Amino acid sequence: MNTTISIPKTLRESLKEYGMKGETYSDIIYRLVQSAKETQLQRILMDDTNTVDVKKALHNAKKKWQK
């Protein structure tokens, strides 16, 4: 089932710039959404916030579990 989305003409023109020959607006939007999802996932997977390098992790583990 399709729906109509009202967008400004300037945005419609921007969408056309991303389109390839024969693509519908739905095709263009779907491709852009997929690309945004992939980019978002990549950022999450590559985020190094609150990480520790391997050498420091090994050092901390040896200190914690010393016999």
PDB file of N, CA and C in Angstrom:
ATOM      1  N   MET A   1       0.834  -1.174   0.000  1.00  0.00           N
ATOM      2  CA  MET A   1       0.000   0.000   0.000  1.00  0.00           C
ATOM      3  C   MET A   1       0.887   1.248   0.000  1.00  0.00           C
ATOM      4  N   ASN A   2       0.635   2.152  -0.899  1.00  0.00           N
ATOM      5  CA  ASN A   2       1.437   3.365  -1.020  1.00  0.00           C
ATOM      6  C   ASN A   2       0.801   4.517  -0.264  1.00  0.00           C
ATOM      7  N   THR A   3       1.631   5.504   0.030  1.00  0.00           N
ATOM      8  CA  THR A   3       1.172   6.723   0.683  1.00  0.00           C
ATOM      9  C   THR A   3       1.833   7.908  -0.009  1.00  0.00           C
ATOM     10  N   THR A   4       1.299   9.067   0.221  1.00  0.00           N
ATOM     11  CA  THR A   4       1.855  10.283  -0.358  1.00  0.00           C
ATOM     12  C   THR A   4       2.517  11.086   0.747  1.00  0.00           C
ATOM     13  N   ILE A   5       3.724  11.543   0.478  1.00  0.00           N
ATOM     14  CA  ILE A   5       4.456  12.371   1.432  1.00  0.00           C
ATOM     15  C   ILE A   5       4.657  13.732   0.783  1.00  0.00           C
ATOM     16  N   SER A   6       4.262  14.772   1.475  1.00  0.00           N
ATOM     17  CA  SER A   6       4.418  16.121   0.960  1.00  0.00           C
ATOM     18  C   SER A   6       5.807  16.633   1.336  1.00  0.00           C
ATOM     19  N   ILE A   7       6.589  17.008   0.322  1.00  0.00           N
ATOM     20  CA  ILE A   7       7.922  17.561   0.557  1.00  0.00           C
ATOM     21  C   ILE A   7       8.088  18.814  -0.288  1.00  0.00           C
ATOM     22  N   PRO A   8       8.959  19.713   0.136  1.00  0.00           N
ATOM     23  CA  PRO A   8       9.214  20.914  -0.672  1.00  0.00           C
ATOM     24  C   PRO A   8       9.849  20.536  -2.015  1.00  0.00           C
ATOM     25  N   LYS A   9       9.593  21.370  -3.014  1.00  0.00           N
ATOM     26  CA  LYS A   9      10.152  21.114  -4.350  1.00  0.00           C
ATOM     27  C   LYS A   9      11.675  21.080  -4.321  1.00  0.00           C
ATOM     28  N   THR A  10      12.278  21.872  -3.446  1.00  0.00           N
ATOM     29  CA  THR A  10      13.742  21.886  -3.367  1.00  0.00           C
ATOM     30  C   THR A  10      14.273  20.525  -2.913  1.00  0.00           C
ATOM     31  N   LEU A  11      13.558  19.891  -1.983  1.00  0.00           N
ATOM     32  CA  LEU A  11      13.965  18.560  -1.534  1.00  0.00           C
ATOM     33  C   LEU A  11      13.774  17.535  -2.645  1.00  0.00           C
ATOM     34  N   ARG A  12      12.684  17.656  -3.378  1.00  0.00           N
ATOM     35  CA  ARG A  12      12.444  16.756  -4.515  1.00  0.00           C
ATOM     36  C   ARG A  12      13.587  16.871  -5.527  1.00  0.00           C
ATOM     37  N   GLU A  13      14.030  18.091  -5.772  1.00  0.00           N
ATOM     38  CA  GLU A  13      15.142  18.292  -6.706  1.00  0.00           C
ATOM     39  C   GLU A  13      16.420  17.665  -6.163  1.00  0.00           C
ATOM     40  N   SER A  14      16.638  17.771  -4.857  1.00  0.00           N
ATOM     41  CA  SER A  14      17.813  17.142  -4.241  1.00  0.00           C
ATOM     42  C   SER A  14      17.748  15.628  -4.398  1.00  0.00           C
ATOM     43  N   LEU A  15      16.566  15.053  -4.210  1.00  0.00           N
ATOM     44  CA  LEU A  15      16.410  13.610  -4.392  1.00  0.00           C
ATOM     45  C   LEU A  15      16.766  13.197  -5.812  1.00  0.00           C
ATOM     46  N   LYS A  16      16.364  13.997  -6.775  1.00  0.00           N
ATOM     47  CA  LYS A  16      16.669  13.694  -8.183  1.00  0.00           C
ATOM     48  C   LYS A  16      18.180  13.610  -8.402  1.00  0.00           C
ATOM     49  N   GLU A  17      18.931  14.455  -7.691  1.00  0.00           N
ATOM     50  CA  GLU A  17      20.389  14.464  -7.844  1.00  0.00           C
ATOM     51  C   GLU A  17      21.005  13.140  -7.399  1.00  0.00           C
ATOM     52  N   TYR A  18      20.366  12.459  -6.453  1.00  0.00           N
ATOM     53  CA  TYR A  18      20.860  11.179  -5.967  1.00  0.00           C
ATOM     54  C   TYR A  18      20.362  10.004  -6.796  1.00  0.00           C
ATOM     55  N   GLY A  19      19.398  10.262  -7.644  1.00  0.00           N
ATOM     56  CA  GLY A  19      18.803   9.185  -8.419  1.00  0.00           C
ATOM     57  C   GLY A  19      19.628   8.781  -9.626  1.00  0.00           C
ATOM     58  N   MET A  20      19.392   7.557 -10.044  1.00  0.00           N
ATOM     59  CA  MET A  20      20.003   7.051 -11.261  1.00  0.00           C
ATOM     60  C   MET A  20      18.895   6.853 -12.287  1.00  0.00           C
ATOM     61  N   LYS A  21      19.272   6.762 -13.534  1.00  0.00           N
ATOM     62  CA  LYS A  21      18.290   6.631 -14.602  1.00  0.00           C
ATOM     63  C   LYS A  21      17.334   5.462 -14.327  1.00  0.00           C
ATOM     64  N   GLY A  22      16.048   5.749 -14.392  1.00  0.00           N
ATOM     65  CA  GLY A  22      15.038   4.716 -14.227  1.00  0.00           C
ATOM     66  C   GLY A  22      14.583   4.492 -12.791  1.00  0.00           C
ATOM     67  N   GLU A  23      15.232   5.152 -11.829  1.00  0.00           N
ATOM     68  CA  GLU A  23      14.852   4.972 -10.435  1.00  0.00           C
ATOM     69  C   GLU A  23      13.629   5.824 -10.088  1.00  0.00           C
ATOM     70  N   THR A  24      12.780   5.274  -9.252  1.00  0.00           N
ATOM     71  CA  THR A  24      11.665   6.036  -8.722  1.00  0.00           C
ATOM     72  C   THR A  24      12.134   6.759  -7.467  1.00  0.00           C
ATOM     73  N   TYR A  25      11.304   7.687  -6.987  1.00  0.00           N
ATOM     74  CA  TYR A  25      11.646   8.360  -5.742  1.00  0.00           C
ATOM     75  C   TYR A  25      11.732   7.337  -4.612  1.00  0.00           C
ATOM     76  N   SER A  26      10.866   6.349  -4.632  1.00  0.00           N
ATOM     77  CA  SER A  26      10.916   5.292  -3.613  1.00  0.00           C
ATOM     78  C   SER A  26      12.244   4.556  -3.661  1.00  0.00           C
ATOM     79  N   ASP A  27      12.723   4.261  -4.860  1.00  0.00           N
ATOM     80  CA  ASP A  27      14.020   3.587  -5.017  1.00  0.00           C
ATOM     81  C   ASP A  27      15.141   4.421  -4.397  1.00  0.00           C
ATOM     82  N   ILE A  28      15.108   5.715  -4.705  1.00  0.00           N
ATOM     83  CA  ILE A  28      16.151   6.617  -4.214  1.00  0.00           C
ATOM     84  C   ILE A  28      16.114   6.694  -2.686  1.00  0.00           C
ATOM     85  N   ILE A  29      14.922   6.893  -2.131  1.00  0.00           N
ATOM     86  CA  ILE A  29      14.787   7.005  -0.678  1.00  0.00           C
ATOM     87  C   ILE A  29      15.203   5.705  -0.001  1.00  0.00           C
ATOM     88  N   TYR A  30      14.773   4.567  -0.553  1.00  0.00           N
ATOM     89  CA  TYR A  30      15.143   3.276   0.030  1.00  0.00           C
ATOM     90  C   TYR A  30      16.667   3.125   0.059  1.00  0.00           C
ATOM     91  N   ARG A  31      17.322   3.459  -1.041  1.00  0.00           N
ATOM     92  CA  ARG A  31      18.779   3.332  -1.122  1.00  0.00           C
ATOM     93  C   ARG A  31      19.458   4.260  -0.123  1.00  0.00           C
ATOM     94  N   LEU A  32      18.963   5.494   0.020  1.00  0.00           N
ATOM     95  CA  LEU A  32      19.548   6.434   0.969  1.00  0.00           C
ATOM     96  C   LEU A  32      19.360   5.968   2.414  1.00  0.00           C
ATOM     97  N   VAL A  33      18.195   5.398   2.716  1.00  0.00           N
ATOM     98  CA  VAL A  33      17.945   4.887   4.066  1.00  0.00           C
ATOM     99  C   VAL A  33      18.864   3.710   4.360  1.00  0.00           C
ATOM    100  N   GLN A  34      19.026   2.811   3.400  1.00  0.00           N
ATOM    101  CA  GLN A  34      19.925   1.667   3.583  1.00  0.00           C
ATOM    102  C   GLN A  34      21.353   2.136   3.827  1.00  0.00           C
ATOM    103  N   SER A  35      21.773   3.132   3.069  1.00  0.00           N
ATOM    104  CA  SER A  35      23.122   3.680   3.232  1.00  0.00           C
ATOM    105  C   SER A  35      23.275   4.309   4.617  1.00  0.00           C
ATOM    106  N   ALA A  36      22.258   5.027   5.073  1.00  0.00           N
ATOM    107  CA  ALA A  36      22.307   5.640   6.407  1.00  0.00           C
ATOM    108  C   ALA A  36      22.389   4.571   7.492  1.00  0.00           C
ATOM    109  N   LYS A  37      21.645   3.479   7.332  1.00  0.00           N
ATOM    110  CA  LYS A  37      21.687   2.391   8.312  1.00  0.00           C
ATOM    111  C   LYS A  37      23.082   1.766   8.363  1.00  0.00           C
ATOM    112  N   GLU A  38      23.678   1.535   7.198  1.00  0.00           N
ATOM    113  CA  GLU A  38      25.017   0.943   7.146  1.00  0.00           C
ATOM    114  C   GLU A  38      26.042   1.869   7.792  1.00  0.00           C
ATOM    115  N   THR A  39      25.931   3.157   7.517  1.00  0.00           N
ATOM    116  CA  THR A  39      26.847   4.135   8.098  1.00  0.00           C
ATOM    117  C   THR A  39      26.699   4.173   9.616  1.00  0.00           C
ATOM    118  N   GLN A  40      25.456   4.147  10.086  1.00  0.00           N
ATOM    119  CA  GLN A  40      25.190   4.157  11.516  1.00  0.00           C
ATOM    120  C   GLN A  40      25.764   2.907  12.188  1.00  0.00           C
ATOM    121  N   LEU A  41      25.577   1.751  11.582  1.00  0.00           N
ATOM    122  CA  LEU A  41      26.110   0.508  12.125  1.00  0.00           C
ATOM    123  C   LEU A  41      27.633   0.546  12.155  1.00  0.00           C
ATOM    124  N   GLN A  42      28.231   1.052  11.088  1.00  0.00           N
ATOM    125  CA  GLN A  42      29.692   1.144  11.039  1.00  0.00           C
ATOM    126  C   GLN A  42      30.216   2.037  12.158  1.00  0.00           C
ATOM    127  N   ARG A  43      29.541   3.157  12.395  1.00  0.00           N
ATOM    128  CA  ARG A  43      29.967   4.059  13.473  1.00  0.00           C
ATOM    129  C   ARG A  43      29.880   3.374  14.824  1.00  0.00           C
ATOM    130  N   ILE A  44      28.809   2.606  15.036  1.00  0.00           N
ATOM    131  CA  ILE A  44      28.644   1.894  16.301  1.00  0.00           C
ATOM    132  C   ILE A  44      29.744   0.858  16.475  1.00  0.00           C
ATOM    133  N   LEU A  45      30.012   0.092  15.418  1.00  0.00           N
ATOM    134  CA  LEU A  45      31.006  -0.970  15.508  1.00  0.00           C
ATOM    135  C   LEU A  45      32.425  -0.441  15.629  1.00  0.00           C
ATOM    136  N   MET A  46      32.687   0.718  15.061  1.00  0.00           N
ATOM    137  CA  MET A  46      34.038   1.273  15.076  1.00  0.00           C
ATOM    138  C   MET A  46      34.262   2.247  16.227  1.00  0.00           C
ATOM    139  N   ASP A  47      33.256   2.476  17.047  1.00  0.00           N
ATOM    140  CA  ASP A  47      33.378   3.408  18.169  1.00  0.00           C
ATOM    141  C   ASP A  47      34.343   2.836  19.206  1.00  0.00           C
ATOM    142  N   ASP A  48      35.358   3.601  19.528  1.00  0.00           N
ATOM    143  CA  ASP A  48      36.346   3.105  20.484  1.00  0.00           C
ATOM    144  C   ASP A  48      36.224   3.788  21.852  1.00  0.00           C
ATOM    145  N   THR A  49      35.084   4.403  22.104  1.00  0.00           N
ATOM    146  CA  THR A  49      34.836   5.011  23.397  1.00  0.00           C
ATOM    147  C   THR A  49      34.808   3.931  24.475  1.00  0.00           C
ATOM    148  N   ASN A  50      35.462   4.208  25.575  1.00  0.00           N
ATOM    149  CA  ASN A  50      35.509   3.275  26.714  1.00  0.00           C
ATOM    150  C   ASN A  50      36.171   1.943  26.374  1.00  0.00           C
ATOM    151  N   THR A  51      37.116   1.953  25.465  1.00  0.00           N
ATOM    152  CA  THR A  51      37.845   0.728  25.155  1.00  0.00           C
ATOM    153  C   THR A  51      39.255   0.815  25.723  1.00  0.00           C
ATOM    154  N   VAL A  52      39.881  -0.338  25.857  1.00  0.00           N
ATOM    155  CA  VAL A  52      41.250  -0.428  26.360  1.00  0.00           C
ATOM    156  C   VAL A  52      42.047  -1.230  25.348  1.00  0.00           C
ATOM    157  N   ASP A  53      43.286  -0.794  25.082  1.00  0.00           N
ATOM    158  CA  ASP A  53      44.089  -1.565  24.142  1.00  0.00           C
ATOM    159  C   ASP A  53      44.440  -2.924  24.739  1.00  0.00           C
ATOM    160  N   VAL A  54      44.830  -3.844  23.894  1.00  0.00           N
ATOM    161  CA  VAL A  54      45.063  -5.232  24.292  1.00  0.00           C
ATOM    162  C   VAL A  54      46.144  -5.336  25.372  1.00  0.00           C
ATOM    163  N   LYS A  55      47.247  -4.639  25.223  1.00  0.00           N
ATOM    164  CA  LYS A  55      48.334  -4.716  26.205  1.00  0.00           C
ATOM    165  C   LYS A  55      47.856  -4.285  27.591  1.00  0.00           C
ATOM    166  N   LYS A  56      47.098  -3.190  27.642  1.00  0.00           N
ATOM    167  CA  LYS A  56      46.601  -2.727  28.935  1.00  0.00           C
ATOM    168  C   LYS A  56      45.582  -3.710  29.509  1.00  0.00           C
ATOM    169  N   ALA A  57      44.737  -4.286  28.665  1.00  0.00           N
ATOM    170  CA  ALA A  57      43.745  -5.261  29.127  1.00  0.00           C
ATOM    171  C   ALA A  57      44.432  -6.493  29.711  1.00  0.00           C
ATOM    172  N   LEU A  58      45.489  -6.971  29.045  1.00  0.00           N
ATOM    173  CA  LEU A  58      46.244  -8.121  29.559  1.00  0.00           C
ATOM    174  C   LEU A  58      46.913  -7.780  30.889  1.00  0.00           C
ATOM    175  N   HIS A  59      47.486  -6.602  30.969  1.00  0.00           N
ATOM    176  CA  HIS A  59      48.129  -6.157  32.208  1.00  0.00           C
ATOM    177  C   HIS A  59      47.110  -6.119  33.351  1.00  0.00           C
ATOM    178  N   ASN A  60      45.953  -5.529  33.080  1.00  0.00           N
ATOM    179  CA  ASN A  60      44.899  -5.441  34.110  1.00  0.00           C
ATOM    180  C   ASN A  60      44.403  -6.829  34.511  1.00  0.00           C
ATOM    181  N   ALA A  61      44.271  -7.733  33.543  1.00  0.00           N
ATOM    182  CA  ALA A  61      43.801  -9.091  33.839  1.00  0.00           C
ATOM    183  C   ALA A  61      44.819  -9.826  34.700  1.00  0.00           C
ATOM    184  N   LYS A  62      46.109  -9.683  34.385  1.00  0.00           N
ATOM    185  CA  LYS A  62      47.143 -10.362  35.169  1.00  0.00           C
ATOM    186  C   LYS A  62      47.169  -9.824  36.593  1.00  0.00           C
ATOM    187  N   LYS A  63      46.988  -8.511  36.772  1.00  0.00           N
ATOM    188  CA  LYS A  63      46.948  -7.940  38.111  1.00  0.00           C
ATOM    189  C   LYS A  63      45.743  -8.450  38.887  1.00  0.00           C
ATOM    190  N   LYS A  64      44.634  -8.540  38.219  1.00  0.00           N
ATOM    191  CA  LYS A  64      43.393  -8.933  38.890  1.00  0.00           C
ATOM    192  C   LYS A  64      43.408 -10.398  39.287  1.00  0.00           C
ATOM    193  N   TRP A  65      43.991 -11.258  38.453  1.00  0.00           N
ATOM    194  CA  TRP A  65      43.936 -12.701  38.700  1.00  0.00           C
ATOM    195  C   TRP A  65      45.310 -13.280  39.049  1.00  0.00           C
ATOM    196  N   GLN A  66      46.140 -12.491  39.689  1.00  0.00           N
ATOM    197  CA  GLN A  66      47.447 -12.975  40.103  1.00  0.00           C
ATOM    198  C   GLN A  66      47.280 -14.047  41.163  1.00  0.00           C
ATOM    199  N   LYS A  67      48.148 -15.052  41.101  1.00  0.00           N
ATOM    200  CA  LYS A  67      48.118 -16.138  42.098  1.00  0.00           C
ATOM    201  C   LYS A  67      49.025 -15.812  43.228  1.00  0.00           C
TER     202      LYS A  67
END
